[in-house]
Amino acid sequence: ARLLAALEALVSQGASLLRAADFAGVLATQERAAPVVERLAALAPAAHVAVRMRVETVIALRSRSLEWLAGEMDRVRAELSAMETSERQVARVAPAYMSSPSPLQRLSVGIA
C-alpha cells in the first residue's frame, strides 16, 4: 500500500510538473518512480482487487498526462510551422525592401 501511495504521489507530481512545462522535473520524477513501478510490477500477480483499482486510477492519470503532452506537442509543431512559413515569406519579399545605393553613392564608390 505504501508503494502504491508513493507511485500515486509521483504520478500526480509528474502531471503537475508537466503542465508547468518543467520537463527536467518530469524526468527526475519518472526516474524516481521507476524502482517503485518495478517493485509494484513484481507484486502485481498477488495484488488485491482494491489495489488493482488504484493502479488503474494511476494509469488513467498518466494516460491523461500523456494525452495532454501530445496535444501540446501538436500545438507547438503548428506554431513552429507557421513561424517557418512567415520566415520564408519575409525572406522572399525582403530584397524588395532593401535600399539600393543611389547613383551618386555608386559613383563615389567607383572613384575611391
PDB file of N, CA and C in Angstrom:
ATOM      1  N   ALA A   1       0.827  -1.193   0.000  1.00  0.00           N
ATOM      2  CA  ALA A   1       0.000   0.000   0.000  1.00  0.00           C
ATOM      3  C   ALA A   1       0.869   1.254   0.000  1.00  0.00           C
ATOM      4  N   ARG A   2       2.000   1.210   0.731  1.00  0.00           N
ATOM      5  CA  ARG A   2       2.881   2.381   0.754  1.00  0.00           C
ATOM      6  C   ARG A   2       3.525   2.603  -0.603  1.00  0.00           C
ATOM      7  N   LEU A   3       3.884   1.506  -1.280  1.00  0.00           N
ATOM      8  CA  LEU A   3       4.466   1.640  -2.618  1.00  0.00           C
ATOM      9  C   LEU A   3       3.477   2.296  -3.570  1.00  0.00           C
ATOM     10  N   LEU A   4       2.244   1.861  -3.496  1.00  0.00           N
ATOM     11  CA  LEU A   4       1.223   2.415  -4.381  1.00  0.00           C
ATOM     12  C   LEU A   4       0.974   3.886  -4.061  1.00  0.00           C
ATOM     13  N   ALA A   5       0.939   4.226  -2.784  1.00  0.00           N
ATOM     14  CA  ALA A   5       0.763   5.626  -2.385  1.00  0.00           C
ATOM     15  C   ALA A   5       1.925   6.473  -2.898  1.00  0.00           C
ATOM     16  N   ALA A   6       3.135   5.926  -2.822  1.00  0.00           N
ATOM     17  CA  ALA A   6       4.305   6.645  -3.338  1.00  0.00           C
ATOM     18  C   ALA A   6       4.185   6.853  -4.843  1.00  0.00           C
ATOM     19  N   LEU A   7       3.741   5.824  -5.551  1.00  0.00           N
ATOM     20  CA  LEU A   7       3.582   5.942  -7.001  1.00  0.00           C
ATOM     21  C   LEU A   7       2.489   6.954  -7.341  1.00  0.00           C
ATOM     22  N   GLU A   8       1.386   6.920  -6.602  1.00  0.00           N
ATOM     23  CA  GLU A   8       0.310   7.890  -6.834  1.00  0.00           C
ATOM     24  C   GLU A   8       0.833   9.314  -6.660  1.00  0.00           C
ATOM     25  N   ALA A   9       1.615   9.530  -5.621  1.00  0.00           N
ATOM     26  CA  ALA A   9       2.167  10.863  -5.374  1.00  0.00           C
ATOM     27  C   ALA A   9       3.120  11.279  -6.492  1.00  0.00           C
ATOM     28  N   LEU A  10       3.957  10.350  -6.933  1.00  0.00           N
ATOM     29  CA  LEU A  10       4.910  10.668  -8.002  1.00  0.00           C
ATOM     30  C   LEU A  10       4.202  10.957  -9.324  1.00  0.00           C
ATOM     31  N   VAL A  11       3.183  10.189  -9.643  1.00  0.00           N
ATOM     32  CA  VAL A  11       2.439  10.417 -10.890  1.00  0.00           C
ATOM     33  C   VAL A  11       1.710  11.755 -10.832  1.00  0.00           C
ATOM     34  N   SER A  12       1.119  12.061  -9.693  1.00  0.00           N
ATOM     35  CA  SER A  12       0.434  13.343  -9.527  1.00  0.00           C
ATOM     36  C   SER A  12       1.424  14.499  -9.643  1.00  0.00           C
ATOM     37  N   GLN A  13       2.576  14.349  -9.000  1.00  0.00           N
ATOM     38  CA  GLN A  13       3.618  15.372  -9.084  1.00  0.00           C
ATOM     39  C   GLN A  13       4.095  15.522 -10.527  1.00  0.00           C
ATOM     40  N   GLY A  14       4.275  14.408 -11.214  1.00  0.00           N
ATOM     41  CA  GLY A  14       4.705  14.456 -12.613  1.00  0.00           C
ATOM     42  C   GLY A  14       3.698  15.181 -13.491  1.00  0.00           C
ATOM     43  N   ALA A  15       2.414  14.948 -13.255  1.00  0.00           N
ATOM     44  CA  ALA A  15       1.372  15.628 -14.030  1.00  0.00           C
ATOM     45  C   ALA A  15       1.425  17.135 -13.796  1.00  0.00           C
ATOM     46  N   SER A  16       1.621  17.540 -12.551  1.00  0.00           N
ATOM     47  CA  SER A  16       1.719  18.971 -12.239  1.00  0.00           C
ATOM     48  C   SER A  16       2.946  19.591 -12.894  1.00  0.00           C
ATOM     49  N   LEU A  17       4.066  18.893 -12.819  1.00  0.00           N
ATOM     50  CA  LEU A  17       5.295  19.397 -13.434  1.00  0.00           C
ATOM     51  C   LEU A  17       5.155  19.490 -14.948  1.00  0.00           C
ATOM     52  N   LEU A  18       4.471  18.539 -15.526  1.00  0.00           N
ATOM     53  CA  LEU A  18       4.267  18.535 -16.973  1.00  0.00           C
ATOM     54  C   LEU A  18       3.456  19.751 -17.397  1.00  0.00           C
ATOM     55  N   ARG A  19       2.399  20.043 -16.670  1.00  0.00           N
ATOM     56  CA  ARG A  19       1.570  21.202 -17.004  1.00  0.00           C
ATOM     57  C   ARG A  19       2.314  22.514 -16.772  1.00  0.00           C
ATOM     58  N   ALA A  20       3.290  22.496 -15.887  1.00  0.00           N
ATOM     59  CA  ALA A  20       4.115  23.680 -15.644  1.00  0.00           C
ATOM     60  C   ALA A  20       5.286  23.753 -16.619  1.00  0.00           C
ATOM     61  N   ALA A  21       5.366  22.784 -17.528  1.00  0.00           N
ATOM     62  CA  ALA A  21       6.438  22.703 -18.539  1.00  0.00           C
ATOM     63  C   ALA A  21       7.816  22.559 -17.890  1.00  0.00           C
ATOM     64  N   ASP A  22       7.856  21.940 -16.716  1.00  0.00           N
ATOM     65  CA  ASP A  22       9.127  21.659 -16.038  1.00  0.00           C
ATOM     66  C   ASP A  22       9.574  20.260 -16.459  1.00  0.00           C
ATOM     67  N   PHE A  23      10.131  20.172 -17.658  1.00  0.00           N
ATOM     68  CA  PHE A  23      10.454  18.872 -18.228  1.00  0.00           C
ATOM     69  C   PHE A  23      11.609  18.185 -17.503  1.00  0.00           C
ATOM     70  N   ALA A  24      12.541  18.958 -16.969  1.00  0.00           N
ATOM     71  CA  ALA A  24      13.618  18.360 -16.174  1.00  0.00           C
ATOM     72  C   ALA A  24      13.030  17.739 -14.904  1.00  0.00           C
ATOM     73  N   GLY A  25      12.072  18.425 -14.300  1.00  0.00           N
ATOM     74  CA  GLY A  25      11.403  17.888 -13.121  1.00  0.00           C
ATOM     75  C   GLY A  25      10.607  16.636 -13.432  1.00  0.00           C
ATOM     76  N   VAL A  26       9.955  16.620 -14.603  1.00  0.00           N
ATOM     77  CA  VAL A  26       9.205  15.434 -15.028  1.00  0.00           C
ATOM     78  C   VAL A  26      10.149  14.253 -15.171  1.00  0.00           C
ATOM     79  N   LEU A  27      11.288  14.490 -15.811  1.00  0.00           N
ATOM     80  CA  LEU A  27      12.269  13.414 -15.996  1.00  0.00           C
ATOM     81  C   LEU A  27      12.766  12.895 -14.649  1.00  0.00           C
ATOM     82  N   ALA A  28      13.086  13.794 -13.738  1.00  0.00           N
ATOM     83  CA  ALA A  28      13.557  13.380 -12.412  1.00  0.00           C
ATOM     84  C   ALA A  28      12.479  12.580 -11.678  1.00  0.00           C
ATOM     85  N   THR A  29      11.232  13.000 -11.809  1.00  0.00           N
ATOM     86  CA  THR A  29      10.126  12.286 -11.165  1.00  0.00           C
ATOM     87  C   THR A  29       9.969  10.889 -11.747  1.00  0.00           C
ATOM     88  N   GLN A  30      10.091  10.787 -13.073  1.00  0.00           N
ATOM     89  CA  GLN A  30       9.986   9.473 -13.708  1.00  0.00           C
ATOM     90  C   GLN A  30      11.127   8.557 -13.273  1.00  0.00           C
ATOM     91  N   GLU A  31      12.315   9.126 -13.112  1.00  0.00           N
ATOM     92  CA  GLU A  31      13.451   8.316 -12.651  1.00  0.00           C
ATOM     93  C   GLU A  31      13.223   7.830 -11.224  1.00  0.00           C
ATOM     94  N   ARG A  32      12.626   8.689 -10.388  1.00  0.00           N
ATOM     95  CA  ARG A  32      12.331   8.267  -9.012  1.00  0.00           C
ATOM     96  C   ARG A  32      11.221   7.226  -8.986  1.00  0.00           C
ATOM     97  N   ALA A  33      10.303   7.295  -9.938  1.00  0.00           N
ATOM     98  CA  ALA A  33       9.170   6.367  -9.967  1.00  0.00           C
ATOM     99  C   ALA A  33       9.559   4.991 -10.508  1.00  0.00           C
ATOM    100  N   ALA A  34      10.606   4.910 -11.304  1.00  0.00           N
ATOM    101  CA  ALA A  34      10.968   3.643 -11.959  1.00  0.00           C
ATOM    102  C   ALA A  34      11.124   2.480 -10.980  1.00  0.00           C
ATOM    103  N   PRO A  35      11.892   2.618  -9.890  1.00  0.00           N
ATOM    104  CA  PRO A  35      12.014   1.471  -8.978  1.00  0.00           C
ATOM    105  C   PRO A  35      10.692   1.110  -8.294  1.00  0.00           C
ATOM    106  N   VAL A  36       9.850   2.103  -8.053  1.00  0.00           N
ATOM    107  CA  VAL A  36       8.545   1.838  -7.441  1.00  0.00           C
ATOM    108  C   VAL A  36       7.689   1.022  -8.407  1.00  0.00           C
ATOM    109  N   VAL A  37       7.706   1.407  -9.680  1.00  0.00           N
ATOM    110  CA  VAL A  37       6.939   0.682 -10.699  1.00  0.00           C
ATOM    111  C   VAL A  37       7.446  -0.748 -10.822  1.00  0.00           C
ATOM    112  N   GLU A  38       8.767  -0.910 -10.836  1.00  0.00           N
ATOM    113  CA  GLU A  38       9.343  -2.262 -10.942  1.00  0.00           C
ATOM    114  C   GLU A  38       8.901  -3.138  -9.774  1.00  0.00           C
ATOM    115  N   ARG A  39       8.923  -2.590  -8.582  1.00  0.00           N
ATOM    116  CA  ARG A  39       8.532  -3.373  -7.398  1.00  0.00           C
ATOM    117  C   ARG A  39       7.039  -3.709  -7.438  1.00  0.00           C
ATOM    118  N   LEU A  40       6.219  -2.735  -7.823  1.00  0.00           N
ATOM    119  CA  LEU A  40       4.780  -2.997  -7.921  1.00  0.00           C
ATOM    120  C   LEU A  40       4.481  -4.037  -8.999  1.00  0.00           C
ATOM    121  N   ALA A  41       5.210  -3.994 -10.093  1.00  0.00           N
ATOM    122  CA  ALA A  41       5.008  -4.983 -11.158  1.00  0.00           C
ATOM    123  C   ALA A  41       5.327  -6.380 -10.653  1.00  0.00           C
ATOM    124  N   ALA A  42       6.352  -6.483  -9.826  1.00  0.00           N
ATOM    125  CA  ALA A  42       6.714  -7.789  -9.269  1.00  0.00           C
ATOM    126  C   ALA A  42       5.631  -8.304  -8.323  1.00  0.00           C
ATOM    127  N   LEU A  43       4.964  -7.394  -7.639  1.00  0.00           N
ATOM    128  CA  LEU A  43       3.922  -7.776  -6.681  1.00  0.00           C
ATOM    129  C   LEU A  43       2.534  -7.893  -7.314  1.00  0.00           C
ATOM    130  N   ALA A  44       2.382  -7.477  -8.549  1.00  0.00           N
ATOM    131  CA  ALA A  44       1.067  -7.402  -9.205  1.00  0.00           C
ATOM    132  C   ALA A  44       0.269  -8.696  -9.196  1.00  0.00           C
ATOM    133  N   PRO A  45       0.861  -9.853  -9.470  1.00  0.00           N
ATOM    134  CA  PRO A  45       0.039 -11.073  -9.517  1.00  0.00           C
ATOM    135  C   PRO A  45      -0.709 -11.363  -8.215  1.00  0.00           C
ATOM    136  N   ALA A  46      -0.150 -10.951  -7.100  1.00  0.00           N
ATOM    137  CA  ALA A  46      -0.788 -11.237  -5.810  1.00  0.00           C
ATOM    138  C   ALA A  46      -1.612 -10.059  -5.291  1.00  0.00           C
ATOM    139  N   ALA A  47      -1.780  -9.022  -6.097  1.00  0.00           N
ATOM    140  CA  ALA A  47      -2.450  -7.802  -5.637  1.00  0.00           C
ATOM    141  C   ALA A  47      -3.945  -8.020  -5.421  1.00  0.00           C
ATOM    142  N   HIS A  48      -4.453  -7.359  -4.420  1.00  0.00           N
ATOM    143  CA  HIS A  48      -5.881  -7.377  -4.090  1.00  0.00           C
ATOM    144  C   HIS A  48      -6.633  -6.516  -5.117  1.00  0.00           C
ATOM    145  N   VAL A  49      -7.919  -6.774  -5.280  1.00  0.00           N
ATOM    146  CA  VAL A  49      -8.750  -6.051  -6.253  1.00  0.00           C
ATOM    147  C   VAL A  49      -8.706  -4.543  -6.002  1.00  0.00           C
ATOM    148  N   ALA A  50      -8.760  -4.128  -4.750  1.00  0.00           N
ATOM    149  CA  ALA A  50      -8.737  -2.700  -4.424  1.00  0.00           C
ATOM    150  C   ALA A  50      -7.421  -2.064  -4.875  1.00  0.00           C
ATOM    151  N   VAL A  51      -6.341  -2.797  -4.710  1.00  0.00           N
ATOM    152  CA  VAL A  51      -5.032  -2.292  -5.145  1.00  0.00           C
ATOM    153  C   VAL A  51      -5.007  -2.160  -6.659  1.00  0.00           C
ATOM    154  N   ARG A  52      -5.549  -3.145  -7.342  1.00  0.00           N
ATOM    155  CA  ARG A  52      -5.593  -3.086  -8.810  1.00  0.00           C
ATOM    156  C   ARG A  52      -6.395  -1.879  -9.280  1.00  0.00           C
ATOM    157  N   MET A  53      -7.479  -1.563  -8.581  1.00  0.00           N
ATOM    158  CA  MET A  53      -8.294  -0.403  -8.951  1.00  0.00           C
ATOM    159  C   MET A  53      -7.500   0.889  -8.776  1.00  0.00           C
ATOM    160  N   ARG A  54      -6.721   0.976  -7.710  1.00  0.00           N
ATOM    161  CA  ARG A  54      -5.885   2.162  -7.505  1.00  0.00           C
ATOM    162  C   ARG A  54      -4.832   2.261  -8.595  1.00  0.00           C
ATOM    163  N   VAL A  55      -4.274   1.128  -8.981  1.00  0.00           N
ATOM    164  CA  VAL A  55      -3.281   1.122 -10.061  1.00  0.00           C
ATOM    165  C   VAL A  55      -3.931   1.605 -11.355  1.00  0.00           C
ATOM    166  N   GLU A  56      -5.154   1.173 -11.620  1.00  0.00           N
ATOM    167  CA  GLU A  56      -5.865   1.627 -12.815  1.00  0.00           C
ATOM    168  C   GLU A  56      -6.076   3.136 -12.788  1.00  0.00           C
ATOM    169  N   THR A  57      -6.344   3.684 -11.603  1.00  0.00           N
ATOM    170  CA  THR A  57      -6.508   5.131 -11.464  1.00  0.00           C
ATOM    171  C   THR A  57      -5.201   5.848 -11.774  1.00  0.00           C
ATOM    172  N   VAL A  58      -4.096   5.311 -11.277  1.00  0.00           N
ATOM    173  CA  VAL A  58      -2.776   5.895 -11.553  1.00  0.00           C
ATOM    174  C   VAL A  58      -2.486   5.840 -13.050  1.00  0.00           C
ATOM    175  N   ILE A  59      -2.786   4.719 -13.664  1.00  0.00           N
ATOM    176  CA  ILE A  59      -2.556   4.562 -15.104  1.00  0.00           C
ATOM    177  C   ILE A  59      -3.411   5.559 -15.886  1.00  0.00           C
ATOM    178  N   ALA A  60      -4.647   5.760 -15.455  1.00  0.00           N
ATOM    179  CA  ALA A  60      -5.533   6.713 -16.134  1.00  0.00           C
ATOM    180  C   ALA A  60      -4.984   8.134 -16.034  1.00  0.00           C
ATOM    181  N   LEU A  61      -4.477   8.507 -14.858  1.00  0.00           N
ATOM    182  CA  LEU A  61      -3.884   9.837 -14.691  1.00  0.00           C
ATOM    183  C   LEU A  61      -2.679   9.996 -15.602  1.00  0.00           C
ATOM    184  N   ARG A  62      -1.868   8.978 -15.658  1.00  0.00           N
ATOM    185  CA  ARG A  62      -0.679   9.012 -16.523  1.00  0.00           C
ATOM    186  C   ARG A  62      -1.096   9.124 -17.988  1.00  0.00           C
ATOM    187  N   SER A  63      -2.136   8.415 -18.368  1.00  0.00           N
ATOM    188  CA  SER A  63      -2.626   8.481 -19.751  1.00  0.00           C
ATOM    189  C   SER A  63      -3.120   9.882 -20.087  1.00  0.00           C
ATOM    190  N   ARG A  64      -3.835  10.503 -19.152  1.00  0.00           N
ATOM    191  CA  ARG A  64      -4.303  11.879 -19.390  1.00  0.00           C
ATOM    192  C   ARG A  64      -3.123  12.827 -19.547  1.00  0.00           C
ATOM    193  N   SER A  65      -2.093  12.634 -18.741  1.00  0.00           N
ATOM    194  CA  SER A  65      -0.901  13.479 -18.854  1.00  0.00           C
ATOM    195  C   SER A  65      -0.240  13.299 -20.218  1.00  0.00           C
ATOM    196  N   LEU A  66      -0.149  12.063 -20.668  1.00  0.00           N
ATOM    197  CA  LEU A  66       0.456  11.805 -21.977  1.00  0.00           C
ATOM    198  C   LEU A  66      -0.384  12.399 -23.100  1.00  0.00           C
ATOM    199  N   GLU A  67      -1.711  12.315 -22.988  1.00  0.00           N
ATOM    200  CA  GLU A  67      -2.590  12.920 -23.992  1.00  0.00           C
ATOM    201  C   GLU A  67      -2.405  14.432 -24.015  1.00  0.00           C
ATOM    202  N   TRP A  68      -2.308  15.047 -22.835  1.00  0.00           N
ATOM    203  CA  TRP A  68      -2.099  16.486 -22.755  1.00  0.00           C
ATOM    204  C   TRP A  68      -0.772  16.851 -23.406  1.00  0.00           C
ATOM    205  N   LEU A  69       0.270  16.077 -23.106  1.00  0.00           N
ATOM    206  CA  LEU A  69       1.585  16.339 -23.685  1.00  0.00           C
ATOM    207  C   LEU A  69       1.542  16.209 -25.203  1.00  0.00           C
ATOM    208  N   ALA A  70       0.861  15.206 -25.714  1.00  0.00           N
ATOM    209  CA  ALA A  70       0.743  15.030 -27.166  1.00  0.00           C
ATOM    210  C   ALA A  70       0.039  16.236 -27.788  1.00  0.00           C
ATOM    211  N   GLY A  71      -0.998  16.735 -27.134  1.00  0.00           N
ATOM    212  CA  GLY A  71      -1.691  17.928 -27.624  1.00  0.00           C
ATOM    213  C   GLY A  71      -0.793  19.147 -27.633  1.00  0.00           C
ATOM    214  N   GLU A  72      -0.014  19.317 -26.575  1.00  0.00           N
ATOM    215  CA  GLU A  72       0.928  20.435 -26.512  1.00  0.00           C
ATOM    216  C   GLU A  72       1.986  20.322 -27.606  1.00  0.00           C
ATOM    217  N   MET A  73       2.466  19.117 -27.846  1.00  0.00           N
ATOM    218  CA  MET A  73       3.457  18.917 -28.907  1.00  0.00           C
ATOM    219  C   MET A  73       2.859  19.265 -30.265  1.00  0.00           C
ATOM    220  N   ASP A  74       1.620  18.873 -30.513  1.00  0.00           N
ATOM    221  CA  ASP A  74       0.951  19.218 -31.769  1.00  0.00           C
ATOM    222  C   ASP A  74       0.813  20.733 -31.908  1.00  0.00           C
ATOM    223  N   ARG A  75       0.430  21.391 -30.810  1.00  0.00           N
ATOM    224  CA  ARG A  75       0.270  22.846 -30.831  1.00  0.00           C
ATOM    225  C   ARG A  75       1.591  23.541 -31.137  1.00  0.00           C
ATOM    226  N   VAL A  76       2.657  23.113 -30.484  1.00  0.00           N
ATOM    227  CA  VAL A  76       3.972  23.721 -30.697  1.00  0.00           C
ATOM    228  C   VAL A  76       4.467  23.460 -32.118  1.00  0.00           C
ATOM    229  N   ARG A  77       4.221  22.258 -32.626  1.00  0.00           N
ATOM    230  CA  ARG A  77       4.606  21.964 -34.015  1.00  0.00           C
ATOM    231  C   ARG A  77       3.877  22.890 -34.985  1.00  0.00           C
ATOM    232  N   ALA A  78       2.587  23.123 -34.749  1.00  0.00           N
ATOM    233  CA  ALA A  78       1.811  24.009 -35.618  1.00  0.00           C
ATOM    234  C   ALA A  78       2.348  25.437 -35.545  1.00  0.00           C
ATOM    235  N   GLU A  79       2.690  25.899 -34.340  1.00  0.00           N
ATOM    236  CA  GLU A  79       3.273  27.232 -34.190  1.00  0.00           C
ATOM    237  C   GLU A  79       4.605  27.326 -34.922  1.00  0.00           C
ATOM    238  N   LEU A  80       5.428  26.313 -34.802  1.00  0.00           N
ATOM    239  CA  LEU A  80       6.723  26.294 -35.477  1.00  0.00           C
ATOM    240  C   LEU A  80       6.537  26.327 -36.988  1.00  0.00           C
ATOM    241  N   SER A  81       5.594  25.567 -37.480  1.00  0.00           N
ATOM    242  CA  SER A  81       5.318  25.547 -38.916  1.00  0.00           C
ATOM    243  C   SER A  81       4.873  26.924 -39.398  1.00  0.00           C
ATOM    244  N   ALA A  82       4.010  27.581 -38.639  1.00  0.00           N
ATOM    245  CA  ALA A  82       3.550  28.921 -39.007  1.00  0.00           C
ATOM    246  C   ALA A  82       4.708  29.912 -39.001  1.00  0.00           C
ATOM    247  N   MET A  83       5.597  29.794 -38.022  1.00  0.00           N
ATOM    248  CA  MET A  83       6.762  30.680 -37.962  1.00  0.00           C
ATOM    249  C   MET A  83       7.690  30.439 -39.146  1.00  0.00           C
ATOM    250  N   GLU A  84       7.900  29.184 -39.505  1.00  0.00           N
ATOM    251  CA  GLU A  84       8.754  28.874 -40.646  1.00  0.00           C
ATOM    252  C   GLU A  84       8.151  29.419 -41.937  1.00  0.00           C
ATOM    253  N   THR A  85       6.830  29.326 -42.070  1.00  0.00           N
ATOM    254  CA  THR A  85       6.154  29.878 -43.247  1.00  0.00           C
ATOM    255  C   THR A  85       6.348  31.390 -43.304  1.00  0.00           C
ATOM    256  N   SER A  86       6.178  32.065 -42.179  1.00  0.00           N
ATOM    257  CA  SER A  86       6.384  33.514 -42.120  1.00  0.00           C
ATOM    258  C   SER A  86       7.821  33.876 -42.459  1.00  0.00           C
ATOM    259  N   GLU A  87       8.756  33.104 -41.945  1.00  0.00           N
ATOM    260  CA  GLU A  87      10.173  33.357 -42.211  1.00  0.00           C
ATOM    261  C   GLU A  87      10.469  33.246 -43.709  1.00  0.00           C
ATOM    262  N   ARG A  88       9.904  32.239 -44.366  1.00  0.00           N
ATOM    263  CA  ARG A  88      10.110  32.086 -45.813  1.00  0.00           C
ATOM    264  C   ARG A  88       9.504  33.258 -46.575  1.00  0.00           C
ATOM    265  N   GLN A  89       8.322  33.707 -46.136  1.00  0.00           N
ATOM    266  CA  GLN A  89       7.679  34.836 -46.811  1.00  0.00           C
ATOM    267  C   GLN A  89       8.504  36.106 -46.662  1.00  0.00           C
ATOM    268  N   VAL A  90       9.027  36.341 -45.482  1.00  0.00           N
ATOM    269  CA  VAL A  90       9.865  37.520 -45.253  1.00  0.00           C
ATOM    270  C   VAL A  90      11.131  37.435 -46.097  1.00  0.00           C
ATOM    271  N   ALA A  91      11.740  36.273 -46.155  1.00  0.00           N
ATOM    272  CA  ALA A  91      12.960  36.108 -46.952  1.00  0.00           C
ATOM    273  C   ALA A  91      12.681  36.351 -48.432  1.00  0.00           C
ATOM    274  N   ARG A  92      11.481  36.013 -48.872  1.00  0.00           N
ATOM    275  CA  ARG A  92      11.127  36.192 -50.279  1.00  0.00           C
ATOM    276  C   ARG A  92      10.908  37.667 -50.626  1.00  0.00           C
ATOM    277  N   VAL A  93      10.290  38.431 -49.721  1.00  0.00           N
ATOM    278  CA  VAL A  93       9.983  39.828 -50.032  1.00  0.00           C
ATOM    279  C   VAL A  93      11.031  40.805 -49.517  1.00  0.00           C
ATOM    280  N   ALA A  94      11.916  40.394 -48.659  1.00  0.00           N
ATOM    281  CA  ALA A  94      12.914  41.294 -48.071  1.00  0.00           C
ATOM    282  C   ALA A  94      13.761  42.003 -49.118  1.00  0.00           C
ATOM    283  N   PRO A  95      14.214  41.325 -50.174  1.00  0.00           N
ATOM    284  CA  PRO A  95      15.043  42.039 -51.153  1.00  0.00           C
ATOM    285  C   PRO A  95      14.340  43.254 -51.763  1.00  0.00           C
ATOM    286  N   ALA A  96      13.041  43.239 -51.879  1.00  0.00           N
ATOM    287  CA  ALA A  96      12.309  44.373 -52.446  1.00  0.00           C
ATOM    288  C   ALA A  96      12.356  45.587 -51.530  1.00  0.00           C
ATOM    289  N   TYR A  97      12.581  45.379 -50.256  1.00  0.00           N
ATOM    290  CA  TYR A  97      12.592  46.478 -49.302  1.00  0.00           C
ATOM    291  C   TYR A  97      13.995  46.903 -48.894  1.00  0.00           C
ATOM    292  N   MET A  98      14.994  46.248 -49.413  1.00  0.00           N
ATOM    293  CA  MET A  98      16.369  46.628 -49.078  1.00  0.00           C
ATOM    294  C   MET A  98      16.736  47.847 -49.911  1.00  0.00           C
ATOM    295  N   SER A  99      17.394  48.807 -49.277  1.00  0.00           N
ATOM    296  CA  SER A  99      17.748  50.025 -50.011  1.00  0.00           C
ATOM    297  C   SER A  99      18.961  49.746 -50.890  1.00  0.00           C
ATOM    298  N   SER A 100      18.852  50.196 -52.106  1.00  0.00           N
ATOM    299  CA  SER A 100      19.997  50.069 -53.008  1.00  0.00           C
ATOM    300  C   SER A 100      20.720  51.402 -53.004  1.00  0.00           C
ATOM    301  N   PRO A 101      21.998  51.382 -53.230  1.00  0.00           N
ATOM    302  CA  PRO A 101      22.752  52.640 -53.198  1.00  0.00           C
ATOM    303  C   PRO A 101      22.278  53.581 -54.313  1.00  0.00           C
ATOM    304  N   SER A 102      22.251  54.867 -54.009  1.00  0.00           N
ATOM    305  CA  SER A 102      21.864  55.865 -55.011  1.00  0.00           C
ATOM    306  C   SER A 102      22.956  55.944 -56.080  1.00  0.00           C
ATOM    307  N   PRO A 103      22.622  56.470 -57.242  1.00  0.00           N
ATOM    308  CA  PRO A 103      23.651  56.586 -58.291  1.00  0.00           C
ATOM    309  C   PRO A 103      24.869  57.367 -57.821  1.00  0.00           C
ATOM    310  N   LEU A 104      24.669  58.408 -57.007  1.00  0.00           N
ATOM    311  CA  LEU A 104      25.786  59.199 -56.503  1.00  0.00           C
ATOM    312  C   LEU A 104      26.682  58.353 -55.598  1.00  0.00           C
ATOM    313  N   GLN A 105      26.057  57.506 -54.728  1.00  0.00           N
ATOM    314  CA  GLN A 105      26.848  56.635 -53.852  1.00  0.00           C
ATOM    315  C   GLN A 105      27.629  55.627 -54.678  1.00  0.00           C
ATOM    316  N   ARG A 106      27.011  55.095 -55.728  1.00  0.00           N
ATOM    317  CA  ARG A 106      27.715  54.133 -56.574  1.00  0.00           C
ATOM    318  C   ARG A 106      28.893  54.798 -57.262  1.00  0.00           C
ATOM    319  N   LEU A 107      28.722  56.047 -57.688  1.00  0.00           N
ATOM    320  CA  LEU A 107      29.792  56.778 -58.357  1.00  0.00           C
ATOM    321  C   LEU A 107      30.947  57.017 -57.400  1.00  0.00           C
ATOM    322  N   SER A 108      30.636  57.420 -56.151  1.00  0.00           N
ATOM    323  CA  SER A 108      31.707  57.695 -55.194  1.00  0.00           C
ATOM    324  C   SER A 108      32.453  56.423 -54.817  1.00  0.00           C
ATOM    325  N   VAL A 109      31.768  55.298 -54.804  1.00  0.00           N
ATOM    326  CA  VAL A 109      32.432  54.031 -54.514  1.00  0.00           C
ATOM    327  C   VAL A 109      33.373  53.688 -55.659  1.00  0.00           C
ATOM    328  N   GLY A 110      32.954  53.956 -56.892  1.00  0.00           N
ATOM    329  CA  GLY A 110      33.783  53.646 -58.050  1.00  0.00           C
ATOM    330  C   GLY A 110      35.017  54.520 -58.126  1.00  0.00           C
ATOM    331  N   ILE A 111      34.958  55.731 -57.604  1.00  0.00           N
ATOM    332  CA  ILE A 111      36.092  56.656 -57.651  1.00  0.00           C
ATOM    333  C   ILE A 111      37.097  56.322 -56.563  1.00  0.00           C
ATOM    334  N   ALA A 112      36.633  55.896 -55.435  1.00  0.00           N
ATOM    335  CA  ALA A 112      37.518  55.673 -54.288  1.00  0.00           C
ATOM    336  C   ALA A 112      38.414  54.528 -54.468  1.00  0.00           C
TER     337      ALA A 112
END
